[in-house]
Amino acid sequence: MRSGKGIECESCNRRNVLARKKKTNIVRRPWSTMEVSQVCSLWNKGYAVADLAEQFNRTERAIYRRINEQVKEGNAFPRAVRHSEAQMIGRTFGSRTVIARQPSSAKGCVMWAVRCKCGEESVVDGHMLHSGRQTACRKCAGNAPGKHNGPKPKVPPKAALSFANIRAHDRMIAARHAAEEASFI
């Protein structure tokens, strides 16, 4: 979209529209049950809070408050999904199967005991399982096809510079500087 000063992207334009709405003093009004159900259904579909605020002519803060109330009542899904122990045990991620919950790490990450298809057991961060970064043990990951697996290619060592090459390089730089100084004067 083009404005008087230049080109604006959609997010900048949305912020400007919301800023204009804030200046017009959005009147507080009670929520109807239909509005609440529509907000919940759109939230569950993945709509952003800014889009919901614009659509329902409410502030983002009002939308957040209403969604938090509905999450507590069970009508809206929280965005950060927490899996219970019962949901996770027996679930398979790649070649690893979750066996049991382990104590959280020092950083507060949820840790799970997993068993690989080769039989090796280990403890893995839950985020690493869900994101797909640790779906196999080291033995199985090395055998799996993929761009990061397998032996690293051998890189030939760099040739050492001889004294003659270093002197030639220094002479070339000195000649270049002399030419620059001569053209400057």
N, C-alpha and C. Protein backbone atom coordinates (compact mmCIF):
# COMPACT_ATOMS: atom_id res chain seq x y z
N MET A 1 0.84 -1.17 0.00
CA MET A 1 0.00 0.00 0.00
C MET A 1 0.89 1.24 0.00
N ARG A 2 0.48 2.27 -0.70
CA ARG A 2 1.28 3.48 -0.83
C ARG A 2 0.64 4.58 0.02
N SER A 3 1.48 5.23 0.80
CA SER A 3 1.02 6.38 1.57
C SER A 3 1.75 7.61 1.05
N GLY A 4 1.54 8.75 1.67
CA GLY A 4 2.18 9.97 1.22
C GLY A 4 3.69 9.94 1.36
N LYS A 5 4.20 9.21 2.36
CA LYS A 5 5.63 9.21 2.64
C LYS A 5 6.39 8.10 1.94
N GLY A 6 5.73 7.04 1.56
CA GLY A 6 6.43 5.92 0.94
C GLY A 6 5.56 4.68 0.94
N ILE A 7 6.19 3.55 0.76
CA ILE A 7 5.46 2.30 0.70
C ILE A 7 5.41 1.68 2.09
N GLU A 8 4.21 1.19 2.49
CA GLU A 8 4.05 0.54 3.79
C GLU A 8 3.68 -0.92 3.56
N CYS A 9 4.20 -1.77 4.42
CA CYS A 9 3.81 -3.17 4.34
C CYS A 9 2.49 -3.35 5.08
N GLU A 10 1.92 -4.56 4.99
CA GLU A 10 0.62 -4.81 5.61
C GLU A 10 0.68 -4.68 7.13
N SER A 11 1.76 -5.19 7.75
CA SER A 11 1.82 -5.12 9.21
C SER A 11 1.93 -3.67 9.69
N CYS A 12 2.70 -2.84 8.96
CA CYS A 12 2.79 -1.43 9.33
C CYS A 12 1.44 -0.75 9.16
N ASN A 13 0.76 -1.08 8.07
CA ASN A 13 -0.54 -0.49 7.82
C ASN A 13 -1.53 -0.92 8.90
N ARG A 14 -1.47 -2.20 9.32
CA ARG A 14 -2.37 -2.70 10.37
C ARG A 14 -2.11 -1.95 11.67
N ARG A 15 -0.82 -1.73 12.01
CA ARG A 15 -0.50 -0.99 13.22
C ARG A 15 -1.06 0.44 13.15
N ASN A 16 -0.95 1.07 11.97
CA ASN A 16 -1.47 2.42 11.82
C ASN A 16 -2.98 2.45 11.97
N VAL A 17 -3.66 1.45 11.42
CA VAL A 17 -5.12 1.38 11.54
C VAL A 17 -5.50 1.21 13.01
N LEU A 18 -4.79 0.32 13.71
CA LEU A 18 -5.09 0.12 15.13
C LEU A 18 -4.79 1.37 15.94
N ALA A 19 -3.73 2.09 15.59
CA ALA A 19 -3.41 3.32 16.30
C ALA A 19 -4.52 4.35 16.07
N ARG A 20 -5.04 4.43 14.85
CA ARG A 20 -6.14 5.34 14.57
C ARG A 20 -7.38 4.95 15.36
N LYS A 21 -7.62 3.63 15.48
CA LYS A 21 -8.78 3.17 16.25
C LYS A 21 -8.64 3.53 17.71
N LYS A 22 -7.41 3.44 18.23
CA LYS A 22 -7.20 3.78 19.63
C LYS A 22 -7.49 5.26 19.86
N LYS A 23 -7.18 6.10 18.87
CA LYS A 23 -7.44 7.53 18.99
C LYS A 23 -8.94 7.82 18.96
N THR A 24 -9.72 6.95 18.30
CA THR A 24 -11.16 7.19 18.22
C THR A 24 -11.89 6.69 19.45
N ASN A 25 -11.12 6.20 20.46
CA ASN A 25 -11.71 5.74 21.72
C ASN A 25 -12.77 4.67 21.50
N ILE A 26 -12.32 3.46 21.35
CA ILE A 26 -13.23 2.34 21.21
C ILE A 26 -14.05 2.24 22.48
N VAL A 27 -15.34 2.25 22.33
CA VAL A 27 -16.23 2.24 23.47
C VAL A 27 -16.29 0.84 24.06
N ARG A 28 -16.17 0.75 25.38
CA ARG A 28 -16.30 -0.55 26.03
C ARG A 28 -17.75 -0.97 25.97
N ARG A 29 -17.96 -2.17 25.52
CA ARG A 29 -19.32 -2.69 25.46
C ARG A 29 -19.27 -4.15 25.88
N PRO A 30 -20.33 -4.69 26.39
CA PRO A 30 -20.33 -6.08 26.84
C PRO A 30 -20.21 -7.03 25.64
N TRP A 31 -19.63 -8.19 25.91
CA TRP A 31 -19.46 -9.20 24.87
C TRP A 31 -20.76 -9.99 24.73
N SER A 32 -21.19 -10.18 23.52
CA SER A 32 -22.34 -11.07 23.29
C SER A 32 -21.82 -12.50 23.20
N THR A 33 -22.68 -13.45 23.47
CA THR A 33 -22.26 -14.86 23.41
C THR A 33 -21.86 -15.25 22.00
N MET A 34 -22.50 -14.64 21.01
CA MET A 34 -22.14 -14.94 19.62
C MET A 34 -20.73 -14.43 19.30
N GLU A 35 -20.41 -13.22 19.77
CA GLU A 35 -19.06 -12.69 19.56
C GLU A 35 -18.01 -13.58 20.22
N VAL A 36 -18.29 -14.02 21.44
CA VAL A 36 -17.34 -14.86 22.16
C VAL A 36 -17.11 -16.16 21.41
N SER A 37 -18.18 -16.79 20.92
CA SER A 37 -18.01 -18.05 20.20
C SER A 37 -17.27 -17.84 18.89
N GLN A 38 -17.51 -16.71 18.21
CA GLN A 38 -16.79 -16.42 16.96
C GLN A 38 -15.31 -16.18 17.22
N VAL A 39 -15.00 -15.43 18.29
CA VAL A 39 -13.60 -15.17 18.63
C VAL A 39 -12.90 -16.49 18.94
N CYS A 40 -13.56 -17.37 19.72
CA CYS A 40 -12.95 -18.66 20.06
C CYS A 40 -12.71 -19.51 18.83
N SER A 41 -13.69 -19.56 17.91
CA SER A 41 -13.52 -20.40 16.73
C SER A 41 -12.40 -19.86 15.84
N LEU A 42 -12.32 -18.53 15.68
CA LEU A 42 -11.24 -17.96 14.86
C LEU A 42 -9.89 -18.13 15.54
N TRP A 43 -9.82 -17.99 16.86
CA TRP A 43 -8.59 -18.21 17.61
C TRP A 43 -8.12 -19.65 17.43
N ASN A 44 -9.05 -20.60 17.53
CA ASN A 44 -8.70 -22.02 17.37
C ASN A 44 -8.23 -22.34 15.96
N LYS A 45 -8.66 -21.54 14.97
CA LYS A 45 -8.21 -21.74 13.59
C LYS A 45 -6.82 -21.15 13.36
N GLY A 46 -6.34 -20.30 14.30
CA GLY A 46 -4.99 -19.76 14.18
C GLY A 46 -4.92 -18.29 13.84
N TYR A 47 -6.03 -17.58 13.89
CA TYR A 47 -6.01 -16.14 13.58
C TYR A 47 -5.17 -15.39 14.61
N ALA A 48 -4.53 -14.32 14.19
CA ALA A 48 -3.72 -13.48 15.07
C ALA A 48 -4.62 -12.56 15.88
N VAL A 49 -4.15 -12.14 17.04
CA VAL A 49 -4.93 -11.28 17.92
C VAL A 49 -5.20 -9.93 17.24
N ALA A 50 -4.22 -9.41 16.50
CA ALA A 50 -4.42 -8.12 15.82
C ALA A 50 -5.57 -8.21 14.81
N ASP A 51 -5.65 -9.33 14.08
CA ASP A 51 -6.73 -9.51 13.12
C ASP A 51 -8.08 -9.60 13.82
N LEU A 52 -8.12 -10.32 14.95
CA LEU A 52 -9.37 -10.43 15.70
C LEU A 52 -9.81 -9.08 16.25
N ALA A 53 -8.84 -8.30 16.75
CA ALA A 53 -9.16 -6.98 17.29
C ALA A 53 -9.74 -6.07 16.21
N GLU A 54 -9.18 -6.15 15.03
CA GLU A 54 -9.67 -5.33 13.92
C GLU A 54 -11.06 -5.78 13.49
N GLN A 55 -11.27 -7.08 13.42
CA GLN A 55 -12.53 -7.62 12.94
C GLN A 55 -13.68 -7.33 13.91
N PHE A 56 -13.41 -7.42 15.21
CA PHE A 56 -14.47 -7.23 16.20
C PHE A 56 -14.49 -5.82 16.79
N ASN A 57 -13.64 -4.93 16.27
CA ASN A 57 -13.55 -3.55 16.73
C ASN A 57 -13.32 -3.49 18.24
N ARG A 58 -12.34 -4.27 18.70
CA ARG A 58 -11.95 -4.31 20.10
C ARG A 58 -10.45 -4.08 20.19
N THR A 59 -9.97 -3.79 21.39
CA THR A 59 -8.53 -3.66 21.56
C THR A 59 -7.91 -5.05 21.67
N GLU A 60 -6.62 -5.13 21.38
CA GLU A 60 -5.92 -6.41 21.49
C GLU A 60 -5.96 -6.92 22.93
N ARG A 61 -5.87 -6.00 23.86
CA ARG A 61 -5.91 -6.39 25.28
C ARG A 61 -7.25 -7.04 25.63
N ALA A 62 -8.35 -6.49 25.11
CA ALA A 62 -9.67 -7.07 25.36
C ALA A 62 -9.78 -8.47 24.76
N ILE A 63 -9.20 -8.64 23.57
CA ILE A 63 -9.22 -9.96 22.93
C ILE A 63 -8.43 -10.96 23.77
N TYR A 64 -7.23 -10.55 24.21
CA TYR A 64 -6.41 -11.44 25.04
C TYR A 64 -7.16 -11.84 26.31
N ARG A 65 -7.79 -10.87 26.96
CA ARG A 65 -8.51 -11.18 28.20
C ARG A 65 -9.63 -12.19 27.94
N ARG A 66 -10.40 -11.97 26.89
CA ARG A 66 -11.53 -12.85 26.59
C ARG A 66 -11.02 -14.25 26.25
N ILE A 67 -9.94 -14.34 25.49
CA ILE A 67 -9.40 -15.66 25.11
C ILE A 67 -8.88 -16.38 26.35
N ASN A 68 -8.20 -15.67 27.24
CA ASN A 68 -7.70 -16.31 28.47
C ASN A 68 -8.85 -16.85 29.31
N GLU A 69 -9.96 -16.10 29.40
CA GLU A 69 -11.13 -16.60 30.12
C GLU A 69 -11.68 -17.86 29.46
N GLN A 70 -11.74 -17.85 28.15
CA GLN A 70 -12.30 -18.99 27.43
C GLN A 70 -11.38 -20.21 27.49
N VAL A 71 -10.06 -19.99 27.56
CA VAL A 71 -9.12 -21.09 27.71
C VAL A 71 -9.35 -21.77 29.06
N LYS A 72 -9.55 -20.96 30.10
CA LYS A 72 -9.80 -21.52 31.44
C LYS A 72 -11.10 -22.31 31.47
N GLU A 73 -12.10 -21.86 30.72
CA GLU A 73 -13.38 -22.57 30.67
C GLU A 73 -13.34 -23.77 29.73
N GLY A 74 -12.31 -23.85 28.89
CA GLY A 74 -12.17 -24.99 27.98
C GLY A 74 -12.77 -24.78 26.61
N ASN A 75 -13.17 -23.54 26.28
CA ASN A 75 -13.77 -23.26 24.98
C ASN A 75 -12.76 -22.88 23.91
N ALA A 76 -11.56 -22.48 24.31
CA ALA A 76 -10.50 -22.10 23.37
C ALA A 76 -9.24 -22.88 23.72
N PHE A 77 -8.44 -23.14 22.70
CA PHE A 77 -7.21 -23.90 22.90
C PHE A 77 -6.08 -22.95 23.28
N PRO A 78 -5.25 -23.32 24.25
CA PRO A 78 -4.06 -22.51 24.50
C PRO A 78 -3.09 -22.69 23.35
N ARG A 79 -2.33 -21.67 23.02
CA ARG A 79 -1.40 -21.76 21.88
C ARG A 79 -0.18 -22.60 22.21
N ALA A 80 0.33 -22.50 23.44
CA ALA A 80 1.46 -23.32 23.83
C ALA A 80 0.90 -24.65 24.34
N VAL A 81 1.05 -25.70 23.57
CA VAL A 81 0.44 -26.98 23.90
C VAL A 81 1.33 -27.73 24.88
N ARG A 82 0.75 -28.17 25.98
CA ARG A 82 1.44 -28.99 26.97
C ARG A 82 0.86 -30.39 26.89
N HIS A 83 1.72 -31.37 26.69
CA HIS A 83 1.26 -32.75 26.59
C HIS A 83 1.37 -33.42 27.95
N SER A 84 0.33 -34.16 28.32
CA SER A 84 0.37 -34.87 29.59
C SER A 84 1.20 -36.13 29.45
N GLU A 85 1.57 -36.69 30.58
CA GLU A 85 2.39 -37.90 30.59
C GLU A 85 1.65 -39.04 29.90
N ALA A 86 0.33 -39.14 30.14
CA ALA A 86 -0.45 -40.22 29.54
C ALA A 86 -0.49 -40.10 28.01
N GLN A 87 -0.50 -38.86 27.50
CA GLN A 87 -0.52 -38.66 26.05
C GLN A 87 0.83 -39.00 25.42
N MET A 88 1.91 -38.80 26.14
CA MET A 88 3.24 -38.96 25.56
C MET A 88 3.77 -40.38 25.62
N ILE A 89 3.49 -41.11 26.71
CA ILE A 89 4.07 -42.46 26.85
C ILE A 89 3.52 -43.37 25.76
N GLY A 90 4.44 -44.01 25.05
CA GLY A 90 4.08 -44.88 23.94
C GLY A 90 4.08 -44.18 22.60
N ARG A 91 4.17 -42.87 22.58
CA ARG A 91 4.18 -42.11 21.33
C ARG A 91 5.55 -42.25 20.66
N THR A 92 5.56 -42.35 19.33
CA THR A 92 6.79 -42.56 18.58
C THR A 92 7.13 -41.31 17.78
N PHE A 93 8.39 -40.91 17.85
CA PHE A 93 8.93 -39.80 17.07
C PHE A 93 10.09 -40.35 16.27
N GLY A 94 9.91 -40.53 14.99
CA GLY A 94 10.95 -41.13 14.15
C GLY A 94 11.17 -42.56 14.57
N SER A 95 12.36 -42.88 15.05
CA SER A 95 12.65 -44.23 15.51
C SER A 95 12.70 -44.32 17.03
N ARG A 96 12.30 -43.26 17.72
CA ARG A 96 12.31 -43.25 19.18
C ARG A 96 10.89 -43.32 19.73
N THR A 97 10.73 -44.12 20.80
CA THR A 97 9.45 -44.25 21.48
C THR A 97 9.60 -43.74 22.90
N VAL A 98 8.64 -42.93 23.36
CA VAL A 98 8.69 -42.37 24.71
C VAL A 98 8.35 -43.46 25.72
N ILE A 99 9.19 -43.61 26.75
CA ILE A 99 9.00 -44.63 27.78
C ILE A 99 8.42 -44.01 29.05
N ALA A 100 9.04 -42.92 29.55
CA ALA A 100 8.63 -42.33 30.82
C ALA A 100 9.05 -40.87 30.89
N ARG A 101 8.44 -40.16 31.82
CA ARG A 101 8.80 -38.76 32.08
C ARG A 101 9.98 -38.74 33.04
N GLN A 102 10.89 -37.82 32.81
CA GLN A 102 12.06 -37.63 33.67
C GLN A 102 11.96 -36.28 34.35
N PRO A 103 12.73 -36.04 35.41
CA PRO A 103 12.72 -34.72 36.04
C PRO A 103 13.15 -33.64 35.04
N SER A 104 12.59 -32.46 35.20
CA SER A 104 12.90 -31.35 34.29
C SER A 104 14.37 -30.97 34.41
N SER A 105 14.90 -30.40 33.34
CA SER A 105 16.30 -29.98 33.33
C SER A 105 16.46 -28.72 34.18
N ALA A 106 17.69 -28.27 34.35
CA ALA A 106 17.97 -27.07 35.14
C ALA A 106 17.32 -25.83 34.51
N LYS A 107 17.16 -25.85 33.19
CA LYS A 107 16.54 -24.72 32.49
C LYS A 107 15.01 -24.80 32.51
N GLY A 108 14.46 -25.89 33.05
CA GLY A 108 13.01 -26.04 33.13
C GLY A 108 12.41 -26.78 31.96
N CYS A 109 13.23 -27.39 31.12
CA CYS A 109 12.72 -28.13 29.97
C CYS A 109 12.19 -29.49 30.42
N VAL A 110 11.09 -29.92 29.80
CA VAL A 110 10.52 -31.22 30.11
C VAL A 110 11.39 -32.28 29.44
N MET A 111 11.78 -33.27 30.20
CA MET A 111 12.66 -34.33 29.70
C MET A 111 11.89 -35.65 29.65
N TRP A 112 12.16 -36.46 28.63
CA TRP A 112 11.50 -37.74 28.44
C TRP A 112 12.54 -38.84 28.23
N ALA A 113 12.29 -39.99 28.84
CA ALA A 113 13.12 -41.16 28.59
C ALA A 113 12.59 -41.81 27.33
N VAL A 114 13.47 -42.09 26.37
CA VAL A 114 13.06 -42.67 25.09
C VAL A 114 13.90 -43.91 24.78
N ARG A 115 13.32 -44.81 23.97
CA ARG A 115 14.04 -46.01 23.52
C ARG A 115 14.03 -45.99 21.99
N CYS A 116 15.21 -46.12 21.42
CA CYS A 116 15.35 -46.14 19.96
C CYS A 116 15.00 -47.55 19.46
N LYS A 117 14.77 -47.68 18.16
CA LYS A 117 14.43 -48.99 17.60
C LYS A 117 15.59 -49.98 17.72
N CYS A 118 16.83 -49.47 17.88
CA CYS A 118 17.98 -50.35 18.04
C CYS A 118 18.12 -50.82 19.49
N GLY A 119 17.31 -50.25 20.41
CA GLY A 119 17.34 -50.67 21.80
C GLY A 119 18.04 -49.71 22.74
N GLU A 120 18.71 -48.71 22.22
CA GLU A 120 19.42 -47.76 23.07
C GLU A 120 18.43 -46.82 23.75
N GLU A 121 18.60 -46.62 25.07
CA GLU A 121 17.74 -45.73 25.83
C GLU A 121 18.50 -44.46 26.19
N SER A 122 17.79 -43.33 26.16
CA SER A 122 18.40 -42.06 26.50
C SER A 122 17.33 -41.10 27.00
N VAL A 123 17.76 -39.94 27.50
CA VAL A 123 16.86 -38.90 27.98
C VAL A 123 16.96 -37.72 27.02
N VAL A 124 15.79 -37.24 26.55
CA VAL A 124 15.76 -36.21 25.51
C VAL A 124 14.82 -35.08 25.93
N ASP A 125 15.16 -33.87 25.53
CA ASP A 125 14.31 -32.70 25.75
C ASP A 125 13.04 -32.86 24.91
N GLY A 126 11.89 -32.56 25.49
CA GLY A 126 10.61 -32.72 24.80
C GLY A 126 10.51 -31.86 23.56
N HIS A 127 11.06 -30.65 23.60
CA HIS A 127 11.02 -29.77 22.43
C HIS A 127 11.81 -30.37 21.27
N MET A 128 12.91 -31.02 21.59
CA MET A 128 13.72 -31.63 20.53
C MET A 128 12.97 -32.78 19.85
N LEU A 129 12.16 -33.49 20.62
CA LEU A 129 11.35 -34.56 20.03
C LEU A 129 10.29 -33.98 19.11
N HIS A 130 9.53 -33.00 19.63
CA HIS A 130 8.42 -32.44 18.86
C HIS A 130 8.89 -31.70 17.62
N SER A 131 10.05 -31.04 17.69
CA SER A 131 10.54 -30.29 16.54
C SER A 131 11.18 -31.20 15.49
N GLY A 132 11.45 -32.46 15.86
CA GLY A 132 12.02 -33.41 14.90
C GLY A 132 13.53 -33.37 14.84
N ARG A 133 14.19 -32.72 15.80
CA ARG A 133 15.64 -32.62 15.77
C ARG A 133 16.33 -33.83 16.37
N GLN A 134 15.65 -34.56 17.27
CA GLN A 134 16.25 -35.75 17.87
C GLN A 134 15.28 -36.90 17.77
N THR A 135 15.17 -37.47 16.58
CA THR A 135 14.24 -38.56 16.36
C THR A 135 14.95 -39.90 16.24
N ALA A 136 16.27 -39.93 16.40
CA ALA A 136 17.03 -41.17 16.34
C ALA A 136 18.29 -41.03 17.19
N CYS A 137 18.80 -42.19 17.68
CA CYS A 137 20.03 -42.15 18.45
C CYS A 137 21.21 -41.91 17.49
N ARG A 138 22.40 -41.79 18.04
CA ARG A 138 23.57 -41.49 17.18
C ARG A 138 23.87 -42.63 16.21
N LYS A 139 23.68 -43.86 16.68
CA LYS A 139 23.96 -45.00 15.78
C LYS A 139 22.99 -45.00 14.61
N CYS A 140 21.70 -44.85 14.92
CA CYS A 140 20.69 -44.92 13.86
C CYS A 140 20.71 -43.67 12.98
N ALA A 141 21.03 -42.52 13.54
CA ALA A 141 21.08 -41.29 12.75
C ALA A 141 22.21 -41.35 11.73
N GLY A 142 23.30 -42.02 12.07
CA GLY A 142 24.42 -42.16 11.13
C GLY A 142 24.08 -43.07 9.96
N ASN A 143 23.13 -44.00 10.17
CA ASN A 143 22.74 -44.93 9.10
C ASN A 143 21.62 -44.36 8.24
N ALA A 144 20.89 -43.41 8.76
CA ALA A 144 19.74 -42.88 8.03
C ALA A 144 20.21 -41.97 6.90
N PRO A 145 19.48 -42.00 5.77
CA PRO A 145 19.85 -41.09 4.69
C PRO A 145 19.48 -39.66 5.05
N GLY A 146 20.32 -38.74 4.67
CA GLY A 146 20.07 -37.32 4.97
C GLY A 146 21.31 -36.51 4.70
N LYS A 147 21.15 -35.20 4.59
CA LYS A 147 22.29 -34.38 4.21
C LYS A 147 23.28 -34.19 5.34
N HIS A 148 22.86 -34.38 6.62
CA HIS A 148 23.77 -34.16 7.74
C HIS A 148 24.35 -35.47 8.27
N ASN A 149 23.96 -36.59 7.72
CA ASN A 149 24.41 -37.87 8.23
C ASN A 149 25.56 -38.42 7.39
N GLY A 150 26.25 -39.38 7.94
CA GLY A 150 27.34 -40.01 7.21
C GLY A 150 28.68 -39.40 7.57
N PRO A 151 29.75 -39.99 7.06
CA PRO A 151 31.08 -39.48 7.38
C PRO A 151 31.32 -38.13 6.71
N LYS A 152 32.10 -37.32 7.38
CA LYS A 152 32.44 -36.02 6.82
C LYS A 152 33.46 -36.19 5.71
N PRO A 153 33.33 -35.42 4.63
CA PRO A 153 34.32 -35.53 3.54
C PRO A 153 35.68 -35.02 4.02
N LYS A 154 36.72 -35.67 3.55
CA LYS A 154 38.07 -35.27 3.94
C LYS A 154 38.50 -34.06 3.12
N VAL A 155 38.95 -33.04 3.83
CA VAL A 155 39.40 -31.82 3.18
C VAL A 155 40.91 -31.86 3.12
N PRO A 156 41.48 -31.66 1.93
CA PRO A 156 42.94 -31.68 1.85
C PRO A 156 43.53 -30.52 2.65
N PRO A 157 44.66 -30.74 3.30
CA PRO A 157 45.27 -29.66 4.08
C PRO A 157 45.73 -28.54 3.16
N LYS A 158 45.67 -27.31 3.68
CA LYS A 158 46.10 -26.16 2.89
C LYS A 158 47.61 -26.20 2.71
N ALA A 159 48.04 -25.81 1.53
CA ALA A 159 49.47 -25.79 1.24
C ALA A 159 50.11 -24.63 2.01
N ALA A 160 51.23 -24.91 2.62
CA ALA A 160 51.95 -23.89 3.37
C ALA A 160 52.59 -22.91 2.39
N LEU A 161 52.55 -21.63 2.73
CA LEU A 161 53.17 -20.63 1.87
C LEU A 161 54.68 -20.66 2.06
N SER A 162 55.37 -20.63 0.95
CA SER A 162 56.83 -20.60 1.03
C SER A 162 57.29 -19.16 1.25
N PHE A 163 58.54 -19.03 1.64
CA PHE A 163 59.11 -17.72 1.88
C PHE A 163 59.10 -16.89 0.60
N ALA A 164 59.37 -17.52 -0.54
CA ALA A 164 59.40 -16.82 -1.83
C ALA A 164 58.01 -16.27 -2.17
N ASN A 165 56.94 -17.07 -1.89
CA ASN A 165 55.57 -16.60 -2.17
C ASN A 165 55.21 -15.40 -1.29
N ILE A 166 55.62 -15.44 -0.04
CA ILE A 166 55.33 -14.34 0.87
C ILE A 166 56.04 -13.06 0.42
N ARG A 167 57.32 -13.19 0.01
CA ARG A 167 58.08 -12.02 -0.46
C ARG A 167 57.45 -11.44 -1.72
N ALA A 168 57.02 -12.30 -2.65
CA ALA A 168 56.39 -11.83 -3.89
C ALA A 168 55.09 -11.09 -3.58
N HIS A 169 54.33 -11.61 -2.64
CA HIS A 169 53.08 -10.97 -2.24
C HIS A 169 53.34 -9.59 -1.63
N ASP A 170 54.35 -9.50 -0.78
CA ASP A 170 54.70 -8.21 -0.17
C ASP A 170 55.14 -7.19 -1.22
N ARG A 171 55.92 -7.64 -2.20
CA ARG A 171 56.37 -6.74 -3.27
C ARG A 171 55.17 -6.23 -4.08
N MET A 172 54.20 -7.11 -4.34
CA MET A 172 53.03 -6.72 -5.11
C MET A 172 52.23 -5.65 -4.35
N ILE A 173 52.07 -5.81 -3.06
CA ILE A 173 51.34 -4.83 -2.25
C ILE A 173 52.09 -3.51 -2.21
N ALA A 174 53.42 -3.55 -2.07
CA ALA A 174 54.21 -2.33 -2.03
C ALA A 174 54.11 -1.58 -3.36
N ALA A 175 54.13 -2.31 -4.47
CA ALA A 175 54.03 -1.67 -5.78
C ALA A 175 52.66 -1.02 -5.95
N ARG A 176 51.61 -1.68 -5.47
CA ARG A 176 50.27 -1.13 -5.57
C ARG A 176 50.17 0.16 -4.76
N HIS A 177 50.72 0.18 -3.55
CA HIS A 177 50.69 1.38 -2.73
C HIS A 177 51.49 2.51 -3.36
N ALA A 178 52.62 2.18 -3.95
CA ALA A 178 53.46 3.21 -4.62
C ALA A 178 52.70 3.82 -5.78
N ALA A 179 51.99 2.99 -6.55
CA ALA A 179 51.22 3.49 -7.69
C ALA A 179 50.09 4.39 -7.23
N GLU A 180 49.44 4.01 -6.13
CA GLU A 180 48.34 4.83 -5.59
C GLU A 180 48.85 6.18 -5.11
N GLU A 181 50.02 6.18 -4.44
CA GLU A 181 50.58 7.43 -3.95
C GLU A 181 51.03 8.33 -5.08
N ALA A 182 51.57 7.72 -6.14
CA ALA A 182 52.04 8.51 -7.28
C ALA A 182 50.85 9.17 -7.99
N SER A 183 49.72 8.46 -8.10
CA SER A 183 48.57 9.03 -8.79
C SER A 183 47.87 10.07 -7.92
N PHE A 184 48.08 10.00 -6.61
CA PHE A 184 47.44 10.95 -5.69
C PHE A 184 48.16 12.30 -5.70
N ILE A 185 49.45 12.29 -5.92
CA ILE A 185 50.25 13.53 -5.88
C ILE A 185 50.06 14.32 -7.09
